[in-house]
Every structure is written in structure tokens, then in C-alpha cells.
């Protein structure tokens, strides 16, 4: 019997935002027996999980893959029965990085790495010697709390590794560049490994051995095995959020419902329904109001700052929330006839380092979508997903479809030998694709914590805290749901013992 069955049955929770964080939170709360209402300002749920099917072509305009690194992801897939719908890329370990204007296969194991010419001999030696040179974290003499991702990896491996491995990786996963990202906030796991072990490589090996032992123990108690690596779903990434929406139902998911005001008013007679939410159910309609016991906010912080929040009748001003920088991104979908691509590559895709702009390449990278998932395009076509913009080319991200078409086809001609015009093109622009985990991002996280500390029953989740990946967003939503459950159980206990306020 859940705590909801014991007394929380009528407890109501509002979730603001129907991206994957909000939907994951709502789903977990519903499984716990709580009444949930999800408010979404847009006309569709799913946030940045957006899959399109048209004329035999399937593509994603947001996130293209995810992993099962977080246990919350496994929890969702198990409960939703989605393991059978997972789609794993063909040859996903074959990944390329552009160097000197041409794609080069990234070595996938230590022997291949030593034999390859991808990095200079000097950089190889730095990588090989890193576990022996970095044995004590105390030896670091830098202002570590403000260290950039570029500075961190340059200390350990040298600038070449930053320019040709770290730079394209962070551009492809967050739209950022190594020197603008805070190491502590962008890669907290690696940051902590250095804190504990000194050497990143030695720490990663120890961490992997430890996780294998934990997985082995989990496997002994469960017959289910999980395939490693990146994956999508048949039909695209939106399959996940569609499944979550199906479990919630129409009554619990309010689309085109923009939240305008939130008000907390603690009653001396009851600890229930202390939150009031005012929202517009449809554009042009009069606002409505509903009461709740707790709120999970997953809207981006720039949306939160537009909302009016009150606490015990007084305005709760959000002027302490710092400005967050956001990176724009254009996603360009193209198809080419197979006979017009002279150098097709099997694998996941190719990333383009900033340094390669001097060789005429302007995109951030391209996924070989139909190579990964052959059912995503008709037999005679290659399907590509190309990204433009980020911190590298903010203005270029805003360019017209025609201009971006020329840039993408130029890059694909140089990298893959794609000739002529694409047979299909689609352009989707994200004006705020990613929040930038910059050097001041600690102030953002402190501000989020201040909101939660001063607003009882208010919890924040989403990609503004904890990470940008789909898995991290799910983890954030599930953790917020856990906090709500604990909060409601605690408030029920206090109500029995004393006045709640």
C-alpha cells in the first residue's frame, strides 16, 4: 500500500510544463496514487522531443538519441513497457570528427587509438601518461570553481585534445564551446573524479569497475538485461513522451494552458491545497483557477520570471534569479539520392571542430540518420540531420532556410561527396535550444534552491539543473516527484501533531 492509499489519496499536484521532465514527474506521481494536473502553454506536449513522419521519412527535430545511464530512465522504460520499442543505431561505435576538411574515424579502443594518426604523438603520450602525472588533486593550483571545460581538459591532455575532441563533443551535445562552459556544472562527474583520484583516466576506470559490480548485483536479482549505448525508439524519440501522455490521459494534461500566477497561502486549519494556480485554458479565453497541495515547475527560467508568484498574500519577487544565457540552434533535415553521395559513411555521424571553420566547414555536425536507422528513409535515399549555430555561430542559426540549405549542402559535399540538390529539406529553429552552463551558473542553481526554500511545496526540475541530456532531464523530473511525495507525507504527519503554520 502506498502512502497515497494511507491518506494522500485526495492530494493534488500541479506540474507546470509538459516536456520530458514534467511528464516523467507526473507519471511517477500518478503511479504513487496522487492526483496530477500538467499545464502546458504550447499546443503539443513533449518539449524538445519532437518526431515527424512524412512521405516515408522519419526525423527528429530535437533530441535524436538517449542512453540508459540513469536508473530513472530504466524505471520509465520498464513501467511503460518500452524496451521492445527501443531502436539501437547500426554501427553506433563508428563516429567521425572532421580534420583537415575530411571525416576521420575516432579510434574506439586503446590499440586503435595508438595506431591511428588522429592525434599527434605528443598528445598520445599526454593521454597515456595522464594516470601517472595526475595522482593528487591537491597539486592543482588554479581557481577550480571557475575553471572552464577547455582549461580543465587542457591541463590533463593538452590543447589538441581540447580542439579536436572536447570542442566538437560539447558543440554536438550542448551547442556550447569548451571555454564558455563551467567544468564543475557541465561535467560534474568528471569534476568529482579529479577531486577524488587526481587522474581522470584512473578515476574513470575505477568508476566503471565499481558500476560493473553494482550491475552484476542488480542482474542477480533481476532477469532483465539492458543493452548499452545510445538508442532511439521506433517512430522517433517522441514515442517516449507519447507513451507518458497516454498514461496520463486528457483530463490530466492541459495543453494550450499558460500559467499566469501561482500563490501560496498556508492555512491554519489545513495543510492541503495551499497552492492556487491561475491559468489561461486557451488563447483569448478568461483565466481559471485551481488549488493544489504542491507544485513542480519545469518551465525554463525565462518563463518562470514572467509568472507572478505570491507567498502568504505578498508578492514573491524573482529579481534574484540571474539572467541565463541560451544558445540557438537550427536543425536541418536533408535527403539525397544514394547515387549522388560518392563517399557515404557507415556509422553514427560526424562532428565538426571549431578549428575546421578555416577549412570551409560551418556546421556543428551531421547525424547519418538513415545509416543509424535504415527504416527512417526510403531505400534509394540517404537521410541526414545537420546542426547549425550554438555559441559558435549564433547569427547563422537564425539564417533563412535557403541560406542554411546552401551551407549544409556545401558541408555535406566536402565531407561525404554529396552532389546536387537535396531531394527533401526541412528546417526547424530553436531560439533557446540549450541553457548555457557558464562560469556564473552556480548563482543560477543557488537561486533555484532559494525559490524552493522560500516556497513550501514548490520544486523545480528540468535541464536547468543536473544536465542537458534526455536522461538527466528524466532524472530531474523523477527526483522532483520524490521530493513532492516526501513533502506531502511530512505535511500529513505535522497536521496530525500540530497546526501546520
Protein backbone atom coordinates (compact mmCIF):
# COMPACT_ATOMS: atom_id res chain seq x y z
CA UNK A 1 0.00 0.00 0.00
CA UNK A 2 1.42 3.41 -0.97
CA UNK A 3 1.36 6.48 1.20
CA UNK A 4 -1.31 7.81 -1.12
CA UNK A 5 -3.57 4.92 -0.13
CA UNK A 6 -2.99 5.73 3.52
CA UNK A 7 -4.06 9.35 3.40
CA UNK A 8 -2.70 11.21 0.41
CA UNK A 9 -5.45 9.94 -1.89
CA UNK A 10 -7.01 13.37 -2.42
CA UNK A 11 -3.70 15.20 -2.60
CA UNK A 12 -3.34 17.21 -5.79
CA UNK A 13 -0.08 18.16 -7.51
CA UNK A 14 0.39 20.62 -10.35
CA UNK A 15 3.19 20.12 -12.87
CA UNK A 16 3.98 23.16 -14.99
CA UNK A 17 5.50 22.15 -18.33
CA UNK A 18 4.90 19.00 -20.41
CA UNK A 19 8.44 18.37 -21.58
CA UNK A 20 10.05 15.06 -20.71
CA UNK A 21 10.93 16.26 -17.16
CA UNK A 22 7.38 17.30 -16.38
CA UNK A 23 5.82 14.21 -17.93
CA UNK A 24 8.22 11.90 -16.09
CA UNK A 25 7.44 13.66 -12.81
CA UNK A 26 3.69 13.49 -13.41
CA UNK A 27 3.84 9.81 -14.33
CA UNK A 28 5.76 8.91 -11.19
CA UNK A 29 3.35 10.91 -9.02
CA UNK A 30 0.38 9.18 -10.63
CA UNK A 31 1.94 5.75 -10.01
CA UNK A 32 2.18 6.80 -6.37
CA UNK A 33 -1.56 7.41 -6.27
CA UNK A 34 -1.57 11.22 -6.35
CA UNK A 35 -3.91 13.35 -8.46
CA UNK A 36 -1.84 15.19 -11.07
CA UNK A 37 -2.56 18.03 -13.48
CA UNK A 38 0.03 19.04 -16.08
CA UNK A 39 -0.14 22.55 -17.55
CA UNK A 40 1.50 23.14 -20.94
CA UNK A 41 1.45 26.51 -22.69
CA UNK A 42 2.08 25.02 -26.14
CA UNK A 43 -0.41 23.06 -28.21
CA UNK A 44 1.67 19.87 -28.06
CA UNK A 45 3.44 18.00 -25.25
CA UNK A 46 6.95 16.60 -25.40
CA UNK A 47 9.11 19.73 -25.28
CA UNK A 48 12.30 19.08 -27.23
CA UNK A 49 11.32 15.52 -28.10
CA UNK A 50 9.71 16.18 -31.45
CA UNK A 51 9.42 13.45 -34.11
CA UNK A 52 7.94 13.90 -37.58
CA UNK A 53 6.86 11.29 -40.15
CA UNK A 54 6.26 12.42 -43.74
CA UNK A 55 6.40 10.69 -47.12
CA UNK A 56 8.26 7.67 -45.77
CA UNK A 57 10.80 9.80 -43.89
CA UNK A 58 11.05 9.88 -40.09
CA UNK A 59 13.13 12.51 -38.35
CA UNK A 60 13.64 14.23 -35.00
CA UNK A 61 13.75 18.00 -34.73
CA UNK A 62 15.10 17.91 -31.17
CA UNK A 63 16.98 15.21 -29.31
CA UNK A 64 17.82 12.25 -31.56
CA UNK A 65 19.06 9.65 -29.06
CA UNK A 66 19.42 8.96 -25.35
CA UNK A 67 21.02 6.40 -23.04
CA UNK A 68 20.01 4.28 -20.06
CA UNK A 69 22.81 5.66 -17.88
CA UNK A 70 20.33 6.89 -15.25
CA UNK A 71 18.30 4.38 -13.28
CA UNK A 72 15.26 6.66 -13.65
CA UNK A 73 15.34 6.00 -17.40
CA UNK A 74 15.25 2.25 -16.81
CA UNK A 75 12.41 2.79 -14.34
CA UNK A 76 10.35 4.58 -17.01
CA UNK A 77 11.12 2.14 -19.80
CA UNK A 78 10.28 -0.83 -17.57
CA UNK A 79 6.98 0.64 -16.35
CA UNK A 80 5.92 1.90 -19.77
CA UNK A 81 6.87 -1.36 -21.49
CA UNK A 82 9.07 0.48 -23.98
CA UNK A 83 12.09 -1.83 -24.06
CA UNK A 84 10.56 -3.60 -27.05
CA UNK A 85 10.26 -0.28 -28.89
CA UNK A 86 13.88 0.79 -28.41
CA UNK A 87 15.83 1.23 -31.63
CA UNK A 88 19.63 0.96 -31.44
CA UNK A 89 21.78 2.55 -34.14
CA UNK A 90 23.68 0.31 -36.54
CA UNK A 91 27.46 0.69 -36.06
CA UNK A 92 26.94 3.30 -33.37
CA UNK A 93 30.58 2.97 -32.27
CA UNK A 94 31.71 4.32 -35.64
CA UNK A 95 31.86 8.07 -35.07
CA UNK A 96 33.79 10.62 -37.05
CA UNK A 97 35.39 14.00 -36.45
CA UNK A 98 36.37 16.34 -39.27
CA UNK A 99 40.07 17.11 -39.53
CA UNK A 100 41.76 18.97 -42.37
CA UNK A 101 38.38 19.17 -44.08
CA UNK A 102 37.71 15.42 -44.11
CA UNK A 103 35.98 12.98 -41.72
CA UNK A 104 38.32 10.82 -39.63
CA UNK A 105 37.13 7.75 -37.71
CA UNK A 106 37.55 8.16 -33.95
CA UNK A 107 39.50 5.18 -32.52
CA UNK A 108 37.13 3.02 -30.48
CA UNK A 109 39.70 1.16 -28.36
CA UNK A 110 43.20 1.79 -26.93
CA UNK A 111 45.04 -0.25 -29.60
CA UNK A 112 43.24 1.54 -32.44
CA UNK A 113 43.97 4.83 -30.71
CA UNK A 114 47.71 4.16 -30.55
CA UNK A 115 47.82 3.08 -34.20
CA UNK A 116 45.76 5.98 -35.52
CA UNK A 117 47.02 9.30 -36.81
CA UNK A 118 44.06 11.20 -35.42
CA UNK A 119 46.18 12.89 -32.73
CA UNK A 120 49.84 13.78 -32.70
CA UNK A 121 52.39 11.61 -30.91
CA UNK A 122 52.76 14.31 -28.26
CA UNK A 123 49.04 14.26 -27.44
CA UNK A 124 49.02 10.45 -27.35
CA UNK A 125 51.84 10.48 -24.81
CA UNK A 126 50.00 13.01 -22.66
CA UNK A 127 46.94 10.76 -22.61
CA UNK A 128 48.97 7.63 -21.85
CA UNK A 129 50.91 9.36 -19.05
CA UNK A 130 47.91 11.15 -17.51
CA UNK A 131 47.21 8.47 -14.85
CA UNK A 132 50.82 8.77 -13.65
CA UNK A 133 51.14 12.56 -13.78
CA UNK A 134 47.86 13.34 -12.01
CA UNK A 135 47.91 11.35 -8.81
CA UNK A 136 46.94 14.03 -6.29
CA UNK A 137 44.16 16.61 -6.63
CA UNK A 138 45.93 18.82 -4.06
CA UNK A 139 48.60 19.69 -6.62
CA UNK A 140 46.16 21.73 -8.74
CA UNK A 141 46.93 25.46 -8.46
CA UNK A 142 44.03 27.01 -10.39
CA UNK A 143 40.79 28.75 -9.37
CA UNK A 144 38.96 25.45 -9.79
CA UNK A 145 35.45 26.70 -9.01
CA UNK A 146 35.52 28.88 -12.11
CA UNK A 147 37.57 26.63 -14.38
CA UNK A 148 36.31 26.15 -17.91
CA UNK A 149 35.87 22.80 -19.62
CA UNK A 150 38.63 23.78 -22.02
CA UNK A 151 41.03 24.71 -19.23
CA UNK A 152 40.30 21.50 -17.32
CA UNK A 153 40.99 19.17 -20.23
CA UNK A 154 43.95 21.20 -21.42
CA UNK A 155 45.60 20.71 -18.02
CA UNK A 156 45.19 16.97 -18.33
CA UNK A 157 45.63 16.29 -22.04
CA UNK A 158 46.82 19.39 -23.90
CA UNK A 159 45.22 21.81 -26.34
CA UNK A 160 45.00 19.44 -29.30
CA UNK A 161 42.67 17.15 -27.39
CA UNK A 162 40.52 20.16 -26.47
CA UNK A 163 40.37 21.43 -30.06
CA UNK A 164 39.69 18.11 -31.80
CA UNK A 165 37.83 16.00 -29.22
CA UNK A 166 36.30 18.15 -26.47
CA UNK A 167 35.28 21.10 -28.65
CA UNK A 168 33.23 19.08 -31.19
CA UNK A 169 31.74 16.92 -28.42
CA UNK A 170 30.40 19.85 -26.36
CA UNK A 171 29.20 21.61 -29.52
CA UNK A 172 27.30 18.49 -30.55
CA UNK A 173 25.73 17.85 -27.15
CA UNK A 174 25.10 21.35 -25.78
CA UNK A 175 25.77 23.81 -28.60
CA UNK A 176 28.50 25.40 -26.47
CA UNK A 177 32.25 25.76 -26.68
CA UNK A 178 34.79 24.46 -24.13
CA UNK A 179 35.96 27.87 -22.94
CA UNK A 180 32.47 29.19 -22.12
CA UNK A 181 31.35 26.12 -20.13
CA UNK A 182 31.94 25.66 -16.41
CA UNK A 183 33.60 22.31 -15.79
CA UNK A 184 32.03 21.91 -12.38
CA UNK A 185 28.50 22.34 -13.72
CA UNK A 186 28.78 20.88 -17.23
CA UNK A 187 30.66 17.71 -16.26
CA UNK A 188 30.20 17.24 -12.50
CA UNK A 189 31.00 13.51 -12.65
CA UNK A 190 34.44 14.13 -14.19
CA UNK A 191 34.99 17.06 -11.87
CA UNK A 192 34.36 14.78 -8.90
CA UNK A 193 36.64 12.08 -10.32
CA UNK A 194 39.51 14.57 -10.36
CA UNK A 195 38.63 15.62 -6.82
CA UNK A 196 38.79 12.00 -5.67
CA UNK A 197 41.52 10.43 -7.79
CA UNK A 198 43.50 13.22 -9.45
CA UNK A 199 43.67 11.33 -12.74
CA UNK A 200 40.53 11.38 -14.88
CA UNK A 201 41.50 8.16 -16.67
CA UNK A 202 42.29 6.26 -13.47
CA UNK A 203 39.12 7.60 -11.83
CA UNK A 204 37.00 6.61 -14.85
CA UNK A 205 38.42 3.06 -14.75
CA UNK A 206 37.71 2.76 -11.03
CA UNK A 207 34.22 4.16 -11.51
CA UNK A 208 33.50 1.72 -14.33
CA UNK A 209 34.69 -1.25 -12.28
CA UNK A 210 32.50 -0.14 -9.39
CA UNK A 211 29.44 0.27 -11.62
CA UNK A 212 30.03 -3.19 -13.13
CA UNK A 213 29.94 -4.72 -9.66
CA UNK A 214 26.69 -2.90 -8.92
CA UNK A 215 25.18 -4.01 -12.24
CA UNK A 216 26.27 -7.57 -11.57
CA UNK A 217 24.48 -7.49 -8.24
CA UNK A 218 21.39 -6.00 -9.86
CA UNK A 219 21.45 -8.66 -12.58
CA UNK A 220 21.48 -11.39 -9.94
CA UNK A 221 18.20 -10.03 -8.59
CA UNK A 222 16.64 -9.32 -11.98
CA UNK A 223 16.34 -11.35 -15.15
CA UNK A 224 16.17 -8.24 -17.33
CA UNK A 225 19.27 -7.16 -19.23
CA UNK A 226 19.80 -3.76 -20.80
CA UNK A 227 21.68 -3.11 -24.00
CA UNK A 228 24.38 -0.48 -23.73
CA UNK A 229 24.83 2.60 -25.85
CA UNK A 230 22.69 5.30 -27.41
CA UNK A 231 19.21 4.49 -28.65
CA UNK A 232 16.04 5.99 -30.02
CA UNK A 233 12.60 4.43 -30.48
CA UNK A 234 10.76 3.10 -33.49
CA UNK A 235 8.97 6.18 -34.78
CA UNK A 236 11.44 8.58 -33.18
CA UNK A 237 12.14 9.98 -29.73
CA UNK A 238 8.62 11.33 -29.32
CA UNK A 239 7.50 7.72 -28.81
CA UNK A 240 8.66 8.14 -25.21
CA UNK A 241 6.65 11.27 -24.43
CA UNK A 242 3.64 9.94 -26.36
CA UNK A 243 3.68 6.88 -24.10
CA UNK A 244 3.83 9.10 -21.00
CA UNK A 245 0.93 11.22 -22.28
CA UNK A 246 -1.14 8.10 -22.94
CA UNK A 247 -0.69 7.01 -19.34
CA UNK A 248 -1.70 10.43 -18.03
CA UNK A 249 -4.84 10.86 -20.09
CA UNK A 250 -6.51 14.00 -21.47
CA UNK A 251 -8.05 15.11 -18.17
CA UNK A 252 -4.66 15.30 -16.50
CA UNK A 253 -2.87 17.05 -19.38
CA UNK A 254 -3.99 20.60 -20.14
CA UNK A 255 -2.49 21.83 -23.42
CA UNK A 256 -2.53 25.48 -24.51
CA UNK A 257 -2.87 26.33 -20.83
CA UNK A 258 -0.45 29.08 -19.89
CA UNK A 259 0.16 29.54 -16.16
CA UNK A 260 -0.04 33.21 -15.20
CA UNK A 261 0.08 33.25 -11.41
CA UNK A 262 0.97 30.96 -8.52
CA UNK A 263 0.02 31.78 -4.96
CA UNK A 264 0.99 30.03 -1.72
CA UNK A 265 -1.24 30.68 1.28
CA UNK A 266 -0.73 28.49 4.34
CA UNK A 267 -3.97 27.79 6.18
CA UNK A 268 -4.01 27.38 9.95
CA UNK A 269 -6.77 24.80 9.69
CA UNK A 270 -5.42 22.62 6.92
CA UNK A 271 -2.16 21.69 5.23
CA UNK A 272 -3.94 20.80 1.99
CA UNK A 273 -4.48 22.84 -1.19
CA UNK A 274 -2.19 25.67 -0.12
CA UNK A 275 -1.25 26.48 -3.71
CA UNK A 276 -3.53 28.32 -6.12
CA UNK A 277 -2.71 28.40 -9.83
CA UNK A 278 -4.23 30.83 -12.29
CA UNK A 279 -4.00 29.87 -15.96
CA UNK A 280 -5.49 30.67 -19.35
CA UNK A 281 -7.07 27.46 -20.73
CA UNK A 282 -6.99 28.68 -24.36
CA UNK A 283 -5.57 31.81 -26.01
CA UNK A 284 -8.13 34.62 -25.73
CA UNK A 285 -10.15 32.87 -23.01
CA UNK A 286 -10.72 34.07 -19.45
CA UNK A 287 -8.32 32.77 -16.81
CA UNK A 288 -9.26 29.92 -14.49
CA UNK A 289 -8.02 28.95 -11.05
CA UNK A 290 -7.28 25.61 -9.40
CA UNK A 291 -5.93 24.62 -5.99
CA UNK A 292 -3.11 22.15 -5.30
CA UNK A 293 -1.03 20.81 -2.46
CA UNK A 294 2.31 21.04 -4.25
CA UNK A 295 3.84 22.34 -7.48
CA UNK A 296 6.59 21.00 -9.73
CA UNK A 297 7.87 23.72 -12.03
CA UNK A 298 9.67 22.52 -15.18
CA UNK A 299 9.25 25.61 -17.36
CA UNK A 300 12.50 27.35 -18.42
CA UNK A 301 13.60 30.08 -16.02
CA UNK A 302 12.87 32.83 -18.56
CA UNK A 303 9.22 31.66 -18.50
CA UNK A 304 9.18 31.42 -14.71
CA UNK A 305 10.31 35.06 -14.45
CA UNK A 306 7.22 36.07 -16.45
CA UNK A 307 4.88 34.47 -13.90
CA UNK A 308 3.51 36.27 -10.86
CA UNK A 309 4.21 34.41 -7.64
CA UNK A 310 2.76 35.30 -4.23
CA UNK A 311 3.54 33.98 -0.76
CA UNK A 312 1.01 34.47 2.05
CA UNK A 313 -0.59 37.36 0.19
CA UNK A 314 2.66 39.17 -0.59
CA UNK A 315 4.42 39.27 -3.96
CA UNK A 316 7.37 36.90 -4.13
CA UNK A 317 9.73 38.75 -6.42
CA UNK A 318 12.06 36.77 -8.63
CA UNK A 319 14.59 39.56 -9.18
CA UNK A 320 17.21 37.37 -7.50
CA UNK A 321 17.10 34.99 -10.47
CA UNK A 322 20.18 35.71 -12.61
CA UNK A 323 19.96 36.03 -16.36
CA UNK A 324 20.61 32.71 -18.09
CA UNK A 325 22.25 32.64 -21.50
CA UNK A 326 20.61 30.39 -24.09
CA UNK A 327 22.13 29.02 -27.26
CA UNK A 328 20.18 28.98 -30.57
CA UNK A 329 20.22 26.02 -32.92
CA UNK A 330 18.87 25.20 -36.36
CA UNK A 331 18.18 21.58 -37.26
CA UNK A 332 18.32 20.87 -41.00
CA UNK A 333 16.92 17.60 -42.38
CA UNK A 334 18.02 16.63 -45.88
CA UNK A 335 17.78 13.60 -48.13
CA UNK A 336 20.00 12.79 -51.11
CA UNK A 337 19.70 10.10 -53.72
CA UNK A 338 22.19 7.36 -52.90
CA UNK A 339 23.80 7.56 -56.32
CA UNK A 340 24.58 11.24 -55.64
CA UNK A 341 26.64 10.54 -52.50
CA UNK A 342 30.08 9.29 -53.52
CA UNK A 343 31.55 8.78 -50.02
CA UNK A 344 28.74 7.58 -47.73
CA UNK A 345 29.99 6.62 -44.29
CA UNK A 346 28.56 3.89 -42.11
CA UNK A 347 28.19 4.96 -38.52
CA UNK A 348 26.62 7.45 -36.13
CA UNK A 349 27.71 10.76 -37.63
CA UNK A 350 30.45 13.35 -37.95
CA UNK A 351 31.25 16.26 -35.63
CA UNK A 352 32.98 19.42 -36.81
CA UNK A 353 35.53 21.16 -34.53
CA UNK A 354 35.65 24.97 -34.45
CA UNK A 355 39.13 24.79 -35.97
CA UNK A 356 37.63 23.33 -39.15
CA UNK A 357 35.92 26.60 -39.99
CA UNK A 358 39.23 27.58 -41.57
CA UNK A 359 38.69 24.64 -43.94
CA UNK A 360 35.29 25.94 -45.01
CA UNK A 361 33.06 23.85 -42.70
CA UNK A 362 30.34 25.89 -40.96
CA UNK A 363 28.06 23.27 -39.42
CA UNK A 364 28.39 21.75 -35.93
CA UNK A 365 27.95 18.22 -37.20
CA UNK A 366 25.71 15.78 -39.03
CA UNK A 367 23.98 12.58 -37.96
CA UNK A 368 23.81 9.79 -40.53
CA UNK A 369 20.16 9.20 -39.68
CA UNK A 370 19.32 6.54 -42.27
CA UNK A 371 22.63 4.75 -41.66
CA UNK A 372 21.76 4.51 -37.97
CA UNK A 373 18.11 3.66 -38.55
CA UNK A 374 17.51 2.28 -42.09
CA UNK A 375 13.72 2.45 -41.71
CA UNK A 376 13.84 6.25 -41.40
CA UNK A 377 14.08 6.83 -45.18
CA UNK A 378 13.08 5.07 -48.44
CA UNK A 379 15.63 2.60 -49.85
CA UNK A 380 17.00 4.93 -52.51
CA UNK A 381 17.74 7.84 -50.17
CA UNK A 382 20.25 8.84 -47.50
CA UNK A 383 18.76 10.87 -44.64
CA UNK A 384 20.94 13.37 -42.78
CA UNK A 385 20.31 15.55 -39.71
CA UNK A 386 22.63 18.57 -39.56
CA UNK A 387 23.02 21.15 -36.78
CA UNK A 388 23.98 24.80 -37.25
CA UNK A 389 24.52 27.56 -34.69
CA UNK A 390 25.25 27.24 -30.99
CA UNK A 391 27.80 29.57 -29.41
CA UNK A 392 30.00 29.14 -32.49
CA UNK A 393 27.58 30.77 -34.96
CA UNK A 394 24.64 32.32 -33.12
CA UNK A 395 23.65 34.53 -36.02
CA UNK A 396 23.93 31.71 -38.54
CA UNK A 397 21.40 29.70 -36.53
CA UNK A 398 18.83 32.39 -37.34
CA UNK A 399 19.50 32.31 -41.10
CA UNK A 400 16.81 31.55 -43.65
CA UNK A 401 16.11 28.04 -44.87
CA UNK A 402 17.62 28.85 -48.28
CA UNK A 403 20.85 30.15 -46.75
CA UNK A 404 21.15 27.18 -44.41
CA UNK A 405 20.43 24.81 -47.28
CA UNK A 406 23.48 26.16 -49.12
CA UNK A 407 25.68 25.85 -46.02
CA UNK A 408 24.57 22.29 -45.25
CA UNK A 409 24.87 21.04 -48.82
CA UNK A 410 28.35 22.60 -49.07
CA UNK A 411 29.49 20.82 -45.89
CA UNK A 412 27.95 17.51 -46.95
CA UNK A 413 29.61 17.77 -50.36
CA UNK A 414 33.00 18.30 -48.73
CA UNK A 415 32.57 15.61 -46.06
CA UNK A 416 30.58 12.92 -47.88
CA UNK A 417 30.72 13.77 -51.56
CA UNK A 418 27.02 14.67 -51.74
CA UNK A 419 26.38 16.21 -55.15
CA UNK A 420 23.49 18.29 -56.40
CA UNK A 421 20.40 19.47 -54.58
CA UNK A 422 18.80 17.52 -51.72
CA UNK A 423 15.54 15.83 -52.69
CA UNK A 424 13.97 16.95 -49.40
CA UNK A 425 14.76 19.64 -46.84
CA UNK A 426 13.19 20.60 -43.52
CA UNK A 427 14.33 23.39 -41.21
CA UNK A 428 13.44 23.76 -37.53
CA UNK A 429 14.79 26.64 -35.44
CA UNK A 430 15.20 26.52 -31.66
CA UNK A 431 15.77 30.08 -30.42
CA UNK A 432 16.67 28.77 -26.96
CA UNK A 433 17.89 25.23 -27.58
CA UNK A 434 20.12 24.90 -24.50
CA UNK A 435 20.79 26.89 -21.33
CA UNK A 436 24.49 27.67 -21.12
CA UNK A 437 26.15 26.16 -18.05
CA UNK A 438 28.58 29.07 -17.94
CA UNK A 439 31.02 30.30 -15.34
CA UNK A 440 28.30 32.00 -13.27
CA UNK A 441 25.96 29.03 -13.31
CA UNK A 442 26.44 28.36 -9.61
CA UNK A 443 24.42 31.53 -8.96
CA UNK A 444 21.58 30.11 -11.08
CA UNK A 445 21.48 26.89 -9.06
CA UNK A 446 21.59 28.87 -5.80
CA UNK A 447 18.64 30.95 -6.99
CA UNK A 448 16.64 27.80 -7.78
CA UNK A 449 17.40 26.48 -4.29
CA UNK A 450 16.30 29.82 -2.81
CA UNK A 451 12.97 29.55 -4.62
CA UNK A 452 12.41 26.06 -3.23
CA UNK A 453 13.46 27.05 0.29
CA UNK A 454 11.10 30.04 0.43
CA UNK A 455 8.11 28.43 -1.26
CA UNK A 456 6.89 25.35 0.68
CA UNK A 457 5.73 22.60 -1.66
CA UNK A 458 7.41 24.18 -4.70
CA UNK A 459 10.04 22.12 -6.54
CA UNK A 460 11.98 22.85 -9.71
CA UNK A 461 13.05 20.31 -12.36
CA UNK A 462 14.33 20.30 -15.93
CA UNK A 463 17.50 20.85 -17.89
CA UNK A 464 18.43 23.98 -15.94
CA UNK A 465 19.76 21.75 -13.17
CA UNK A 466 21.54 18.41 -13.31
CA UNK A 467 22.33 18.15 -17.02
CA UNK A 468 21.10 18.69 -20.56
CA UNK A 469 20.62 15.12 -21.82
CA UNK A 470 17.24 13.42 -22.05
CA UNK A 471 18.27 11.01 -19.32
CA UNK A 472 19.30 13.83 -16.98
CA UNK A 473 16.01 15.63 -17.64
CA UNK A 474 14.08 12.46 -16.75
CA UNK A 475 16.20 12.03 -13.64
CA UNK A 476 15.49 15.62 -12.60
CA UNK A 477 11.74 15.15 -13.02
CA UNK A 478 11.68 11.88 -11.08
CA UNK A 479 13.71 13.40 -8.23
CA UNK A 480 11.29 16.31 -8.02
CA UNK A 481 8.42 13.81 -7.79
CA UNK A 482 10.23 12.05 -4.94
CA UNK A 483 10.61 15.41 -3.15
CA UNK A 484 6.88 16.08 -3.53
CA UNK A 485 5.99 12.66 -2.14
CA UNK A 486 8.25 13.21 0.87
CA UNK A 487 6.88 16.73 1.39
CA UNK A 488 3.26 15.57 1.34
CA UNK A 489 3.96 12.69 3.72
CA UNK A 490 5.76 15.08 6.06
CA UNK A 491 2.97 17.69 5.96
CA UNK A 492 0.41 14.97 6.72
CA UNK A 493 2.38 13.92 9.79
CA UNK A 494 2.71 17.51 11.01
CA UNK A 495 -1.03 18.09 10.57
CA UNK A 496 -1.70 15.22 12.98
CA UNK A 497 0.75 16.56 15.56
CA UNK A 498 0.24 20.34 15.44
CA UNK A 499 -1.03 23.27 13.42
CA UNK A 500 0.68 23.31 10.02
CA UNK A 501 1.57 27.04 10.12
